Amino acid sequence: NMETRPDANSNPITEGKSDGWRLIYCTGSEGEQLEFVQALGPVKQT
């Protein structure tokens, strides 16, 4: 089975006011495009 590595389809922001923000892109089981947002570290505190 093909699997996507957790970091393979993501855009992490690593500096500035948005440090800790990550956009994660996936394709769902029915071919739909999914986008998840993760907020960690400094941006989570904001």
All heavy atoms as atom14 arrays in JSON, in Angstrom:
{
  "sequence": "NMETRPDANSNPITEGKSDGWRLIYCTGSEGEQLEFVQALGPVKQT",
  "atom14_mask": [
    [1, 1, 1, 1, 1, 1, 1, 1, 0, 0, 0, 0, 0, 0],
    [1, 1, 1, 1, 1, 1, 1, 1, 0, 0, 0, 0, 0, 0],
    [1, 1, 1, 1, 1, 1, 1, 1, 1, 0, 0, 0, 0, 0],
    [1, 1, 1, 1, 1, 1, 1, 0, 0, 0, 0, 0, 0, 0],
    [1, 1, 1, 1, 1, 1, 1, 1, 1, 1, 1, 0, 0, 0],
    [1, 1, 1, 1, 1, 1, 1, 0, 0, 0, 0, 0, 0, 0],
    [1, 1, 1, 1, 1, 1, 1, 1, 0, 0, 0, 0, 0, 0],
    [1, 1, 1, 1, 1, 0, 0, 0, 0, 0, 0, 0, 0, 0],
    [1, 1, 1, 1, 1, 1, 1, 1, 0, 0, 0, 0, 0, 0],
    [1, 1, 1, 1, 1, 1, 0, 0, 0, 0, 0, 0, 0, 0],
    [1, 1, 1, 1, 1, 1, 1, 1, 0, 0, 0, 0, 0, 0],
    [1, 1, 1, 1, 1, 1, 1, 0, 0, 0, 0, 0, 0, 0],
    [1, 1, 1, 1, 1, 1, 1, 1, 0, 0, 0, 0, 0, 0],
    [1, 1, 1, 1, 1, 1, 1, 0, 0, 0, 0, 0, 0, 0],
    [1, 1, 1, 1, 1, 1, 1, 1, 1, 0, 0, 0, 0, 0],
    [1, 1, 1, 1, 0, 0, 0, 0, 0, 0, 0, 0, 0, 0],
    [1, 1, 1, 1, 1, 1, 1, 1, 1, 0, 0, 0, 0, 0],
    [1, 1, 1, 1, 1, 1, 0, 0, 0, 0, 0, 0, 0, 0],
    [1, 1, 1, 1, 1, 1, 1, 1, 0, 0, 0, 0, 0, 0],
    [1, 1, 1, 1, 0, 0, 0, 0, 0, 0, 0, 0, 0, 0],
    [1, 1, 1, 1, 1, 1, 1, 1, 1, 1, 1, 1, 1, 1],
    [1, 1, 1, 1, 1, 1, 1, 1, 1, 1, 1, 0, 0, 0],
    [1, 1, 1, 1, 1, 1, 1, 1, 0, 0, 0, 0, 0, 0],
    [1, 1, 1, 1, 1, 1, 1, 1, 0, 0, 0, 0, 0, 0],
    [1, 1, 1, 1, 1, 1, 1, 1, 1, 1, 1, 1, 0, 0],
    [1, 1, 1, 1, 1, 1, 0, 0, 0, 0, 0, 0, 0, 0],
    [1, 1, 1, 1, 1, 1, 1, 0, 0, 0, 0, 0, 0, 0],
    [1, 1, 1, 1, 0, 0, 0, 0, 0, 0, 0, 0, 0, 0],
    [1, 1, 1, 1, 1, 1, 0, 0, 0, 0, 0, 0, 0, 0],
    [1, 1, 1, 1, 1, 1, 1, 1, 1, 0, 0, 0, 0, 0],
    [1, 1, 1, 1, 0, 0, 0, 0, 0, 0, 0, 0, 0, 0],
    [1, 1, 1, 1, 1, 1, 1, 1, 1, 0, 0, 0, 0, 0],
    [1, 1, 1, 1, 1, 1, 1, 1, 1, 0, 0, 0, 0, 0],
    [1, 1, 1, 1, 1, 1, 1, 1, 0, 0, 0, 0, 0, 0],
    [1, 1, 1, 1, 1, 1, 1, 1, 1, 0, 0, 0, 0, 0],
    [1, 1, 1, 1, 1, 1, 1, 1, 1, 1, 1, 0, 0, 0],
    [1, 1, 1, 1, 1, 1, 1, 0, 0, 0, 0, 0, 0, 0],
    [1, 1, 1, 1, 1, 1, 1, 1, 1, 0, 0, 0, 0, 0],
    [1, 1, 1, 1, 1, 0, 0, 0, 0, 0, 0, 0, 0, 0],
    [1, 1, 1, 1, 1, 1, 1, 1, 0, 0, 0, 0, 0, 0],
    [1, 1, 1, 1, 0, 0, 0, 0, 0, 0, 0, 0, 0, 0],
    [1, 1, 1, 1, 1, 1, 1, 0, 0, 0, 0, 0, 0, 0],
    [1, 1, 1, 1, 1, 1, 1, 0, 0, 0, 0, 0, 0, 0],
    [1, 1, 1, 1, 1, 1, 1, 1, 1, 0, 0, 0, 0, 0],
    [1, 1, 1, 1, 1, 1, 1, 1, 1, 0, 0, 0, 0, 0],
    [1, 1, 1, 1, 1, 1, 1, 0, 0, 0, 0, 0, 0, 0]
  ],
  "atom14_positions": [
    [[0.84, -1.19, 0.0], [0.0, 0.0, 0.0], [0.88, 1.24, 0.0], [1.93, 1.27, 0.6], [-0.92, 0.04, 1.24], [-1.93, -1.06, 1.22], [-2.36, -1.51, 0.16], [-2.32, -1.52, 2.39], [0.0, 0.0, 0.0], [0.0, 0.0, 0.0], [0.0, 0.0, 0.0], [0.0, 0.0, 0.0], [0.0, 0.0, 0.0], [0.0, 0.0, 0.0]],
    [[0.41, 2.27, -0.67], [1.14, 3.53, -0.67], [0.72, 4.35, 0.53], [-0.46, 4.47, 0.81], [0.87, 4.33, -1.95], [1.43, 3.68, -3.2], [3.21, 3.48, -3.16], [3.73, 5.16, -3.38], [0.0, 0.0, 0.0], [0.0, 0.0, 0.0], [0.0, 0.0, 0.0], [0.0, 0.0, 0.0], [0.0, 0.0, 0.0], [0.0, 0.0, 0.0]],
    [[1.66, 4.89, 1.23], [1.38, 5.76, 2.37], [2.16, 7.05, 2.17], [3.23, 7.06, 1.59], [1.86, 5.13, 3.68], [1.04, 3.95, 4.13], [1.55, 3.43, 5.47], [2.58, 3.92, 5.96], [0.91, 2.54, 5.99], [0.0, 0.0, 0.0], [0.0, 0.0, 0.0], [0.0, 0.0, 0.0], [0.0, 0.0, 0.0], [0.0, 0.0, 0.0]],
    [[1.63, 8.13, 2.68], [2.33, 9.4, 2.64], [3.05, 9.59, 3.97], [2.45, 9.43, 5.02], [1.34, 10.56, 2.43], [0.65, 10.32, 1.21], [2.06, 11.87, 2.34], [0.0, 0.0, 0.0], [0.0, 0.0, 0.0], [0.0, 0.0, 0.0], [0.0, 0.0, 0.0], [0.0, 0.0, 0.0], [0.0, 0.0, 0.0], [0.0, 0.0, 0.0]],
    [[4.31, 9.92, 3.9], [5.04, 10.22, 5.14], [4.42, 11.45, 5.77], [3.96, 12.35, 5.07], [6.51, 10.49, 4.81], [7.26, 9.26, 4.42], [8.74, 9.49, 4.28], [9.19, 10.79, 4.68], [10.16, 11.45, 4.07], [10.75, 10.95, 3.03], [10.54, 12.63, 4.49], [0.0, 0.0, 0.0], [0.0, 0.0, 0.0], [0.0, 0.0, 0.0]],
    [[4.38, 11.51, 7.1], [3.75, 12.65, 7.78], [4.3, 14.01, 7.35], [3.57, 14.98, 7.3], [4.02, 12.39, 9.25], [4.24, 10.93, 9.34], [4.86, 10.52, 8.02], [0.0, 0.0, 0.0], [0.0, 0.0, 0.0], [0.0, 0.0, 0.0], [0.0, 0.0, 0.0], [0.0, 0.0, 0.0], [0.0, 0.0, 0.0], [0.0, 0.0, 0.0]],
    [[5.58, 14.1, 7.04], [6.17, 15.39, 6.67], [6.26, 15.59, 5.16], [6.75, 16.61, 4.7], [7.56, 15.51, 7.28], [8.54, 14.5, 6.7], [8.1, 13.47, 6.15], [9.74, 14.74, 6.8], [0.0, 0.0, 0.0], [0.0, 0.0, 0.0], [0.0, 0.0, 0.0], [0.0, 0.0, 0.0], [0.0, 0.0, 0.0], [0.0, 0.0, 0.0]],
    [[5.77, 14.65, 4.36], [5.97, 14.71, 2.92], [5.16, 15.79, 2.24], [5.62, 16.39, 1.29], [5.66, 13.35, 2.3], [0.0, 0.0, 0.0], [0.0, 0.0, 0.0], [0.0, 0.0, 0.0], [0.0, 0.0, 0.0], [0.0, 0.0, 0.0], [0.0, 0.0, 0.0], [0.0, 0.0, 0.0], [0.0, 0.0, 0.0], [0.0, 0.0, 0.0]],
    [[3.95, 16.04, 2.68], [3.08, 17.0, 2.01], [2.7, 18.12, 2.94], [1.53, 18.43, 3.11], [1.82, 16.3, 1.49], [2.14, 15.28, 0.44], [3.01, 15.48, -0.39], [1.46, 14.16, 0.48], [0.0, 0.0, 0.0], [0.0, 0.0, 0.0], [0.0, 0.0, 0.0], [0.0, 0.0, 0.0], [0.0, 0.0, 0.0], [0.0, 0.0, 0.0]],
    [[3.69, 18.73, 3.56], [3.39, 19.8, 4.51], [4.32, 20.99, 4.32], [5.41, 20.85, 3.78], [3.47, 19.28, 5.94], [4.79, 18.96, 6.28], [0.0, 0.0, 0.0], [0.0, 0.0, 0.0], [0.0, 0.0, 0.0], [0.0, 0.0, 0.0], [0.0, 0.0, 0.0], [0.0, 0.0, 0.0], [0.0, 0.0, 0.0], [0.0, 0.0, 0.0]],
    [[3.82, 22.14, 4.73], [4.59, 23.38, 4.67], [4.72, 23.93, 6.08], [3.8, 24.57, 6.57], [3.87, 24.42, 3.81], [3.9, 24.08, 2.35], [4.91, 23.65, 1.83], [2.77, 24.27, 1.69], [0.0, 0.0, 0.0], [0.0, 0.0, 0.0], [0.0, 0.0, 0.0], [0.0, 0.0, 0.0], [0.0, 0.0, 0.0], [0.0, 0.0, 0.0]],
    [[5.83, 23.65, 6.76], [6.01, 24.24, 8.09], [6.6, 25.64, 7.99], [7.45, 25.91, 7.14], [6.99, 23.28, 8.76], [7.79, 22.72, 7.63], [6.85, 22.66, 6.44], [0.0, 0.0, 0.0], [0.0, 0.0, 0.0], [0.0, 0.0, 0.0], [0.0, 0.0, 0.0], [0.0, 0.0, 0.0], [0.0, 0.0, 0.0], [0.0, 0.0, 0.0]],
    [[6.13, 26.53, 8.83], [6.73, 27.87, 8.95], [7.6, 27.83, 10.2], [7.13, 27.44, 11.27], [5.65, 28.95, 9.04], [4.81, 28.93, 7.75], [6.27, 30.32, 9.26], [3.62, 29.83, 7.77], [0.0, 0.0, 0.0], [0.0, 0.0, 0.0], [0.0, 0.0, 0.0], [0.0, 0.0, 0.0], [0.0, 0.0, 0.0], [0.0, 0.0, 0.0]],
    [[8.85, 28.21, 10.05], [9.82, 27.99, 11.12], [10.44, 29.26, 11.69], [11.38, 29.18, 12.47], [10.94, 27.06, 10.64], [11.57, 27.65, 9.49], [10.4, 25.69, 10.25], [0.0, 0.0, 0.0], [0.0, 0.0, 0.0], [0.0, 0.0, 0.0], [0.0, 0.0, 0.0], [0.0, 0.0, 0.0], [0.0, 0.0, 0.0], [0.0, 0.0, 0.0]],
    [[9.92, 30.42, 11.29], [10.45, 31.66, 11.88], [9.4, 32.76, 11.82], [8.37, 32.62, 11.16], [11.74, 32.1, 11.2], [11.69, 32.11, 9.71], [13.05, 32.39, 9.06], [14.05, 31.75, 9.41], [13.07, 33.26, 8.2], [0.0, 0.0, 0.0], [0.0, 0.0, 0.0], [0.0, 0.0, 0.0], [0.0, 0.0, 0.0], [0.0, 0.0, 0.0]],
    [[9.63, 33.82, 12.56], [8.71, 34.94, 12.59], [7.49, 34.68, 13.46], [7.45, 33.73, 14.25], [0.0, 0.0, 0.0], [0.0, 0.0, 0.0], [0.0, 0.0, 0.0], [0.0, 0.0, 0.0], [0.0, 0.0, 0.0], [0.0, 0.0, 0.0], [0.0, 0.0, 0.0], [0.0, 0.0, 0.0], [0.0, 0.0, 0.0], [0.0, 0.0, 0.0]],
    [[6.47, 35.54, 13.32], [5.27, 35.43, 14.15], [4.49, 34.15, 13.91], [3.71, 33.74, 14.76], [4.36, 36.63, 13.92], [4.88, 37.91, 14.49], [3.87, 39.01, 14.35], [4.37, 40.28, 15.02], [3.36, 41.34, 14.97], [0.0, 0.0, 0.0], [0.0, 0.0, 0.0], [0.0, 0.0, 0.0], [0.0, 0.0, 0.0], [0.0, 0.0, 0.0]],
    [[4.68, 33.52, 12.76], [3.95, 32.3, 12.44], [4.75, 31.04, 12.72], [4.37, 29.95, 12.29], [3.51, 32.33, 10.97], [2.6, 33.38, 10.75], [0.0, 0.0, 0.0], [0.0, 0.0, 0.0], [0.0, 0.0, 0.0], [0.0, 0.0, 0.0], [0.0, 0.0, 0.0], [0.0, 0.0, 0.0], [0.0, 0.0, 0.0], [0.0, 0.0, 0.0]],
    [[5.88, 31.16, 13.43], [6.71, 30.0, 13.77], [5.87, 28.96, 14.49], [5.24, 29.25, 15.5], [7.88, 30.44, 14.66], [8.83, 29.31, 14.98], [8.73, 28.24, 14.36], [9.67, 29.51, 15.88], [0.0, 0.0, 0.0], [0.0, 0.0, 0.0], [0.0, 0.0, 0.0], [0.0, 0.0, 0.0], [0.0, 0.0, 0.0], [0.0, 0.0, 0.0]],
    [[5.82, 27.75, 13.95], [5.04, 26.67, 14.54], [3.79, 26.33, 13.74], [3.12, 25.34, 14.01], [0.0, 0.0, 0.0], [0.0, 0.0, 0.0], [0.0, 0.0, 0.0], [0.0, 0.0, 0.0], [0.0, 0.0, 0.0], [0.0, 0.0, 0.0], [0.0, 0.0, 0.0], [0.0, 0.0, 0.0], [0.0, 0.0, 0.0], [0.0, 0.0, 0.0]],
    [[3.47, 27.13, 12.74], [2.31, 26.91, 11.88], [2.69, 25.9, 10.81], [3.75, 25.98, 10.22], [1.92, 28.24, 11.24], [0.63, 28.27, 10.51], [0.46, 28.11, 9.17], [-0.67, 28.49, 11.05], [-0.86, 28.24, 8.85], [-1.58, 28.48, 9.98], [-1.14, 28.71, 12.34], [-2.94, 28.67, 10.16], [-2.49, 28.9, 12.52], [-3.38, 28.87, 11.45]],
    [[1.83, 24.93, 10.53], [2.11, 23.94, 9.49], [0.82, 23.66, 8.73], [-0.22, 23.4, 9.34], [2.63, 22.65, 10.11], [2.94, 21.56, 9.08], [3.37, 20.25, 9.73], [4.62, 20.38, 10.43], [5.8, 19.97, 9.94], [5.88, 19.45, 8.75], [6.89, 20.13, 10.66], [0.0, 0.0, 0.0], [0.0, 0.0, 0.0], [0.0, 0.0, 0.0]],
    [[0.89, 23.71, 7.41], [-0.21, 23.31, 6.55], [0.1, 21.93, 6.02], [1.2, 21.69, 5.52], [-0.37, 24.29, 5.39], [-0.66, 25.74, 5.8], [-0.61, 26.65, 4.58], [-2.01, 25.84, 6.48], [0.0, 0.0, 0.0], [0.0, 0.0, 0.0], [0.0, 0.0, 0.0], [0.0, 0.0, 0.0], [0.0, 0.0, 0.0], [0.0, 0.0, 0.0]],
    [[-0.86, 21.02, 6.14], [-0.65, 19.63, 5.75], [-1.69, 19.28, 4.68], [-2.88, 19.5, 4.89], [-0.8, 18.69, 6.96], [0.17, 19.12, 8.06], [-0.58, 17.24, 6.55], [-0.16, 18.57, 9.43], [0.0, 0.0, 0.0], [0.0, 0.0, 0.0], [0.0, 0.0, 0.0], [0.0, 0.0, 0.0], [0.0, 0.0, 0.0], [0.0, 0.0, 0.0]],
    [[-1.23, 18.76, 3.55], [-2.1, 18.45, 2.43], [-2.16, 16.94, 2.2], [-1.13, 16.28, 2.23], [-1.59, 19.13, 1.15], [-1.46, 20.61, 1.32], [-0.24, 21.19, 1.65], [-2.56, 21.44, 1.17], [-0.12, 22.57, 1.82], [-2.46, 22.81, 1.33], [-1.24, 23.37, 1.66], [-1.13, 24.72, 1.83], [0.0, 0.0, 0.0], [0.0, 0.0, 0.0]],
    [[-3.37, 16.42, 1.98], [-3.57, 15.0, 1.77], [-4.66, 14.78, 0.72], [-5.44, 15.67, 0.43], [-4.03, 14.31, 3.05], [-3.0, 14.57, 4.48], [0.0, 0.0, 0.0], [0.0, 0.0, 0.0], [0.0, 0.0, 0.0], [0.0, 0.0, 0.0], [0.0, 0.0, 0.0], [0.0, 0.0, 0.0], [0.0, 0.0, 0.0], [0.0, 0.0, 0.0]],
    [[-4.72, 13.58, 0.22], [-5.83, 13.16, -0.63], [-6.6, 12.11, 0.15], [-6.03, 11.15, 0.66], [-5.3, 12.55, -1.95], [-4.52, 13.55, -2.6], [-6.44, 12.13, -2.84], [0.0, 0.0, 0.0], [0.0, 0.0, 0.0], [0.0, 0.0, 0.0], [0.0, 0.0, 0.0], [0.0, 0.0, 0.0], [0.0, 0.0, 0.0], [0.0, 0.0, 0.0]],
    [[-7.92, 12.32, 0.26], [-8.77, 11.4, 0.99], [-9.03, 10.11, 0.23], [-8.64, 9.96, -0.93], [0.0, 0.0, 0.0], [0.0, 0.0, 0.0], [0.0, 0.0, 0.0], [0.0, 0.0, 0.0], [0.0, 0.0, 0.0], [0.0, 0.0, 0.0], [0.0, 0.0, 0.0], [0.0, 0.0, 0.0], [0.0, 0.0, 0.0], [0.0, 0.0, 0.0]],
    [[-9.72, 9.18, 0.86], [-9.98, 7.87, 0.27], [-10.83, 7.92, -0.99], [-10.81, 7.0, -1.8], [-10.65, 6.96, 1.31], [-11.89, 7.53, 1.71], [0.0, 0.0, 0.0], [0.0, 0.0, 0.0], [0.0, 0.0, 0.0], [0.0, 0.0, 0.0], [0.0, 0.0, 0.0], [0.0, 0.0, 0.0], [0.0, 0.0, 0.0], [0.0, 0.0, 0.0]],
    [[-11.59, 9.01, -1.18], [-12.41, 9.15, -2.37], [-11.84, 10.17, -3.34], [-12.53, 10.7, -4.2], [-13.84, 9.51, -1.98], [-14.5, 8.4, -1.17], [-15.92, 8.72, -0.75], [-16.5, 9.71, -1.26], [-16.44, 7.98, 0.09], [0.0, 0.0, 0.0], [0.0, 0.0, 0.0], [0.0, 0.0, 0.0], [0.0, 0.0, 0.0], [0.0, 0.0, 0.0]],
    [[-10.56, 10.49, -3.18], [-9.87, 11.4, -4.08], [-10.02, 12.88, -3.72], [-9.49, 13.74, -4.41], [0.0, 0.0, 0.0], [0.0, 0.0, 0.0], [0.0, 0.0, 0.0], [0.0, 0.0, 0.0], [0.0, 0.0, 0.0], [0.0, 0.0, 0.0], [0.0, 0.0, 0.0], [0.0, 0.0, 0.0], [0.0, 0.0, 0.0], [0.0, 0.0, 0.0]],
    [[-10.71, 13.18, -2.64], [-10.9, 14.57, -2.25], [-9.61, 15.15, -1.67], [-8.82, 14.44, -1.09], [-12.06, 14.71, -1.24], [-11.79, 14.16, 0.14], [-12.04, 12.67, 0.32], [-12.03, 11.92, -0.67], [-12.23, 12.27, 1.47], [0.0, 0.0, 0.0], [0.0, 0.0, 0.0], [0.0, 0.0, 0.0], [0.0, 0.0, 0.0], [0.0, 0.0, 0.0]],
    [[-9.42, 16.44, -1.89], [-8.24, 17.13, -1.38], [-8.53, 17.63, 0.04], [-9.54, 18.28, 0.27], [-7.86, 18.3, -2.28], [-7.43, 17.88, -3.66], [-6.18, 17.01, -3.63], [-5.17, 17.38, -3.05], [-6.26, 15.85, -4.25], [0.0, 0.0, 0.0], [0.0, 0.0, 0.0], [0.0, 0.0, 0.0], [0.0, 0.0, 0.0], [0.0, 0.0, 0.0]],
    [[-7.65, 17.31, 0.97], [-7.81, 17.7, 2.37], [-6.66, 18.61, 2.77], [-5.53, 18.43, 2.32], [-7.82, 16.47, 3.27], [-8.85, 15.39, 2.94], [-8.58, 14.13, 3.75], [-10.24, 15.91, 3.16], [0.0, 0.0, 0.0], [0.0, 0.0, 0.0], [0.0, 0.0, 0.0], [0.0, 0.0, 0.0], [0.0, 0.0, 0.0], [0.0, 0.0, 0.0]],
    [[-6.96, 19.57, 3.62], [-5.93, 20.45, 4.16], [-6.13, 20.53, 5.67], [-7.24, 20.79, 6.13], [-6.01, 21.85, 3.55], [-4.98, 22.8, 4.13], [-5.07, 24.19, 3.52], [-4.91, 24.29, 2.29], [-5.3, 25.14, 4.26], [0.0, 0.0, 0.0], [0.0, 0.0, 0.0], [0.0, 0.0, 0.0], [0.0, 0.0, 0.0], [0.0, 0.0, 0.0]],
    [[-5.09, 20.29, 6.41], [-5.12, 20.39, 7.86], [-4.17, 21.5, 8.29], [-3.18, 21.75, 7.62], [-4.69, 19.07, 8.52], [-5.59, 17.92, 8.18], [-5.32, 17.1, 7.09], [-6.73, 17.67, 8.93], [-6.15, 16.04, 6.78], [-7.56, 16.61, 8.63], [-7.27, 15.8, 7.54], [0.0, 0.0, 0.0], [0.0, 0.0, 0.0], [0.0, 0.0, 0.0]],
    [[-4.49, 22.14, 9.39], [-3.63, 23.18, 9.94], [-3.19, 22.75, 11.33], [-4.01, 22.3, 12.13], [-4.38, 24.53, 10.02], [-3.52, 25.59, 10.67], [-4.83, 24.96, 8.64], [0.0, 0.0, 0.0], [0.0, 0.0, 0.0], [0.0, 0.0, 0.0], [0.0, 0.0, 0.0], [0.0, 0.0, 0.0], [0.0, 0.0, 0.0], [0.0, 0.0, 0.0]],
    [[-1.92, 22.86, 11.61], [-1.36, 22.52, 12.92], [-0.7, 23.78, 13.47], [0.02, 24.47, 12.75], [-0.34, 21.4, 12.75], [0.23, 20.88, 14.03], [1.2, 19.74, 13.78], [2.04, 19.82, 12.88], [1.08, 18.69, 14.55], [0.0, 0.0, 0.0], [0.0, 0.0, 0.0], [0.0, 0.0, 0.0], [0.0, 0.0, 0.0], [0.0, 0.0, 0.0]],
    [[-0.98, 24.09, 14.72], [-0.37, 25.25, 15.37], [0.32, 24.79, 16.64], [-0.33, 24.33, 17.58], [-1.42, 26.3, 15.7], [0.0, 0.0, 0.0], [0.0, 0.0, 0.0], [0.0, 0.0, 0.0], [0.0, 0.0, 0.0], [0.0, 0.0, 0.0], [0.0, 0.0, 0.0], [0.0, 0.0, 0.0], [0.0, 0.0, 0.0], [0.0, 0.0, 0.0]],
    [[1.65, 24.89, 16.66], [2.45, 24.44, 17.8], [3.43, 25.54, 18.19], [3.67, 26.48, 17.45], [3.24, 23.19, 17.44], [2.43, 21.97, 16.99], [3.36, 20.89, 16.46], [1.59, 21.44, 18.13], [0.0, 0.0, 0.0], [0.0, 0.0, 0.0], [0.0, 0.0, 0.0], [0.0, 0.0, 0.0], [0.0, 0.0, 0.0], [0.0, 0.0, 0.0]],
    [[4.02, 25.41, 19.35], [5.08, 26.32, 19.78], [4.65, 27.77, 19.88], [3.57, 28.08, 20.39], [0.0, 0.0, 0.0], [0.0, 0.0, 0.0], [0.0, 0.0, 0.0], [0.0, 0.0, 0.0], [0.0, 0.0, 0.0], [0.0, 0.0, 0.0], [0.0, 0.0, 0.0], [0.0, 0.0, 0.0], [0.0, 0.0, 0.0], [0.0, 0.0, 0.0]],
    [[5.47, 28.69, 19.34], [5.2, 30.12, 19.48], [3.85, 30.54, 18.9], [3.14, 31.35, 19.5], [6.35, 30.78, 18.7], [7.45, 29.77, 18.72], [6.76, 28.44, 18.69], [0.0, 0.0, 0.0], [0.0, 0.0, 0.0], [0.0, 0.0, 0.0], [0.0, 0.0, 0.0], [0.0, 0.0, 0.0], [0.0, 0.0, 0.0], [0.0, 0.0, 0.0]],
    [[3.47, 30.03, 17.75], [2.19, 30.44, 17.16], [1.01, 29.93, 17.99], [-0.02, 30.59, 18.1], [2.08, 30.03, 15.67], [1.71, 28.58, 15.49], [1.08, 30.92, 14.94], [0.0, 0.0, 0.0], [0.0, 0.0, 0.0], [0.0, 0.0, 0.0], [0.0, 0.0, 0.0], [0.0, 0.0, 0.0], [0.0, 0.0, 0.0], [0.0, 0.0, 0.0]],
    [[1.15, 28.78, 18.62], [0.09, 28.28, 19.5], [-0.08, 29.22, 20.69], [-1.21, 29.52, 21.1], [0.39, 26.87, 20.0], [-0.73, 26.31, 20.89], [-0.43, 24.91, 21.35], [-1.54, 24.3, 22.18], [-2.18, 25.14, 23.15], [0.0, 0.0, 0.0], [0.0, 0.0, 0.0], [0.0, 0.0, 0.0], [0.0, 0.0, 0.0], [0.0, 0.0, 0.0]],
    [[1.03, 29.71, 21.22], [0.95, 30.65, 22.34], [0.25, 31.94, 21.91], [-0.54, 32.51, 22.67], [2.35, 30.97, 22.89], [2.32, 31.8, 24.15], [1.61, 31.06, 25.29], [1.93, 29.93, 25.6], [0.64, 31.72, 25.9], [0.0, 0.0, 0.0], [0.0, 0.0, 0.0], [0.0, 0.0, 0.0], [0.0, 0.0, 0.0], [0.0, 0.0, 0.0]],
    [[0.5, 32.39, 20.69], [-0.18, 33.57, 20.16], [-1.69, 33.35, 20.13], [-2.47, 34.21, 20.55], [0.34, 33.91, 18.74], [1.74, 34.18, 18.82], [-0.4, 35.09, 18.14], [0.0, 0.0, 0.0], [0.0, 0.0, 0.0], [0.0, 0.0, 0.0], [0.0, 0.0, 0.0], [0.0, 0.0, 0.0], [0.0, 0.0, 0.0], [0.0, 0.0, 0.0]]
  ]
}
